Amino acid sequence: MYASLNKKASNDKWQMGIGLLLFWPVLFALEGGDGPEAQEYARLRGQYEALRQVAIQKKINLELLPPSPEAIVQKEKERLKAESKKKK
């Protein structure tokens, strides 16, 4: 999921740069991160934040919470990086 979102974000950056340099109506063609993966990621982040807030209110140790979506994405990014180094 992270690789897909990262690719879409990269594509948007290129389209934005081209649009700014060449032709501003191209900006309306930006696809954005509104796909199902981005929506699912946003939903998971919201749920995690709600859990974190309840844990804080109830004075529950935050270490007992599952890893945050950001932590999971970072771990996956590191795994993919290590995997690509092994292939070289």
C-alpha atoms as a PDB file:
ATOM      1  CA  MET A   1       0.000   0.000   0.000  1.00  0.00           C
ATOM      2  CA  TYR A   2       2.819   2.442   0.877  1.00  0.00           C
ATOM      3  CA  ALA A   3       4.597   1.903  -2.433  1.00  0.00           C
ATOM      4  CA  SER A   4       1.371   2.576  -4.320  1.00  0.00           C
ATOM      5  CA  LEU A   5       0.660   5.781  -2.382  1.00  0.00           C
ATOM      6  CA  ASN A   6       4.266   6.888  -2.753  1.00  0.00           C
ATOM      7  CA  LYS A   7       4.129   6.346  -6.527  1.00  0.00           C
ATOM      8  CA  LYS A   8       0.884   8.339  -6.795  1.00  0.00           C
ATOM      9  CA  ALA A   9       2.384  11.176  -4.759  1.00  0.00           C
ATOM     10  CA  SER A  10       5.468  11.199  -6.963  1.00  0.00           C
ATOM     11  CA  ASN A  11       3.302  11.283 -10.096  1.00  0.00           C
ATOM     12  CA  ASP A  12       1.342  14.217  -8.652  1.00  0.00           C
ATOM     13  CA  LYS A  13       4.562  16.123  -7.957  1.00  0.00           C
ATOM     14  CA  TRP A  14       5.683  15.670 -11.567  1.00  0.00           C
ATOM     15  CA  GLN A  15       2.300  16.747 -12.908  1.00  0.00           C
ATOM     16  CA  MET A  16       2.333  19.778 -10.611  1.00  0.00           C
ATOM     17  CA  GLY A  17       5.806  20.809 -11.773  1.00  0.00           C
ATOM     18  CA  ILE A  18       4.916  20.426 -15.430  1.00  0.00           C
ATOM     19  CA  GLY A  19       1.665  22.286 -14.881  1.00  0.00           C
ATOM     20  CA  LEU A  20       3.388  25.158 -13.152  1.00  0.00           C
ATOM     21  CA  LEU A  21       6.050  25.453 -15.822  1.00  0.00           C
ATOM     22  CA  LEU A  22       4.061  24.852 -18.980  1.00  0.00           C
ATOM     23  CA  PHE A  23       0.341  25.107 -18.703  1.00  0.00           C
ATOM     24  CA  TRP A  24      -1.772  25.796 -15.617  1.00  0.00           C
ATOM     25  CA  PRO A  25      -4.907  23.849 -16.778  1.00  0.00           C
ATOM     26  CA  VAL A  26      -2.862  20.643 -16.422  1.00  0.00           C
ATOM     27  CA  LEU A  27      -3.208  21.163 -12.685  1.00  0.00           C
ATOM     28  CA  PHE A  28      -6.881  20.200 -12.938  1.00  0.00           C
ATOM     29  CA  ALA A  29      -5.795  16.735 -14.131  1.00  0.00           C
ATOM     30  CA  LEU A  30      -3.993  15.907 -10.904  1.00  0.00           C
ATOM     31  CA  GLU A  31      -5.193  12.564  -9.694  1.00  0.00           C
ATOM     32  CA  GLY A  32      -4.423  13.165  -6.040  1.00  0.00           C
ATOM     33  CA  GLY A  33      -4.413  10.627  -3.243  1.00  0.00           C
ATOM     34  CA  ASP A  34      -8.157  10.089  -3.186  1.00  0.00           C
ATOM     35  CA  GLY A  35      -7.974   6.447  -4.194  1.00  0.00           C
ATOM     36  CA  PRO A  36      -9.129   3.572  -1.998  1.00  0.00           C
ATOM     37  CA  GLU A  37      -5.635   3.056  -0.534  1.00  0.00           C
ATOM     38  CA  ALA A  38      -5.400   6.677   0.604  1.00  0.00           C
ATOM     39  CA  GLN A  39      -8.899   6.545   2.066  1.00  0.00           C
ATOM     40  CA  GLU A  40      -8.106   3.334   3.953  1.00  0.00           C
ATOM     41  CA  TYR A  41      -4.859   4.810   5.272  1.00  0.00           C
ATOM     42  CA  ALA A  42      -6.660   7.958   6.442  1.00  0.00           C
ATOM     43  CA  ARG A  43      -9.336   5.834   8.145  1.00  0.00           C
ATOM     44  CA  LEU A  44      -6.701   3.774   9.961  1.00  0.00           C
ATOM     45  CA  ARG A  45      -4.855   6.907  11.070  1.00  0.00           C
ATOM     46  CA  GLY A  46      -8.110   8.329  12.442  1.00  0.00           C
ATOM     47  CA  GLN A  47      -8.914   5.140  14.338  1.00  0.00           C
ATOM     48  CA  TYR A  48      -5.412   5.010  15.778  1.00  0.00           C
ATOM     49  CA  GLU A  49      -5.629   8.633  16.915  1.00  0.00           C
ATOM     50  CA  ALA A  50      -8.988   7.902  18.593  1.00  0.00           C
ATOM     51  CA  LEU A  51      -7.435   4.919  20.428  1.00  0.00           C
ATOM     52  CA  ARG A  52      -4.497   7.059  21.491  1.00  0.00           C
ATOM     53  CA  GLN A  53      -6.775   9.801  22.851  1.00  0.00           C
ATOM     54  CA  VAL A  54      -8.832   7.296  24.864  1.00  0.00           C
ATOM     55  CA  ALA A  55      -5.644   5.716  26.211  1.00  0.00           C
ATOM     56  CA  ILE A  56      -4.438   9.152  27.331  1.00  0.00           C
ATOM     57  CA  GLN A  57      -7.796   9.945  28.976  1.00  0.00           C
ATOM     58  CA  LYS A  58      -7.910   6.597  30.774  1.00  0.00           C
ATOM     59  CA  LYS A  59      -4.197   6.843  31.667  1.00  0.00           C
ATOM     60  CA  ILE A  60      -3.337   3.633  29.832  1.00  0.00           C
ATOM     61  CA  ASN A  61       0.300   3.029  28.929  1.00  0.00           C
ATOM     62  CA  LEU A  62       0.682   4.053  25.280  1.00  0.00           C
ATOM     63  CA  GLU A  63       3.160   1.224  24.753  1.00  0.00           C
ATOM     64  CA  LEU A  64       0.206  -1.173  25.005  1.00  0.00           C
ATOM     65  CA  LEU A  65      -1.313   0.266  21.817  1.00  0.00           C
ATOM     66  CA  PRO A  66      -0.623  -1.411  18.486  1.00  0.00           C
ATOM     67  CA  PRO A  67       1.917   0.361  16.264  1.00  0.00           C
ATOM     68  CA  SER A  68       0.697   3.504  14.532  1.00  0.00           C
ATOM     69  CA  PRO A  69       0.032   3.456  10.772  1.00  0.00           C
ATOM     70  CA  GLU A  70       3.051   5.750  10.350  1.00  0.00           C
ATOM     71  CA  ALA A  71       5.266   3.296  12.259  1.00  0.00           C
ATOM     72  CA  ILE A  72       3.997   0.411  10.143  1.00  0.00           C
ATOM     73  CA  VAL A  73       4.682   2.347   6.931  1.00  0.00           C
ATOM     74  CA  GLN A  74       8.182   3.268   8.147  1.00  0.00           C
ATOM     75  CA  LYS A  75       8.943  -0.353   9.037  1.00  0.00           C
ATOM     76  CA  GLU A  76       7.713  -1.523   5.624  1.00  0.00           C
ATOM     77  CA  LYS A  77       9.792   1.168   3.911  1.00  0.00           C
ATOM     78  CA  GLU A  78      12.888  -0.017   5.779  1.00  0.00           C
ATOM     79  CA  ARG A  79      12.116  -3.645   4.923  1.00  0.00           C
ATOM     80  CA  LEU A  80      11.767  -2.817   1.231  1.00  0.00           C
ATOM     81  CA  LYS A  81      15.002  -0.826   1.302  1.00  0.00           C
ATOM     82  CA  ALA A  82      16.863  -3.709   2.949  1.00  0.00           C
ATOM     83  CA  GLU A  83      15.321  -6.138   0.469  1.00  0.00           C
ATOM     84  CA  SER A  84      16.423  -4.042  -2.498  1.00  0.00           C
ATOM     85  CA  LYS A  85      19.983  -3.866  -1.092  1.00  0.00           C
ATOM     86  CA  LYS A  86      20.076  -7.668  -0.875  1.00  0.00           C
ATOM     87  CA  LYS A  87      19.127  -7.941  -4.553  1.00  0.00           C
ATOM     88  CA  LYS A  88      22.082  -5.766  -5.612  1.00  0.00           C
END
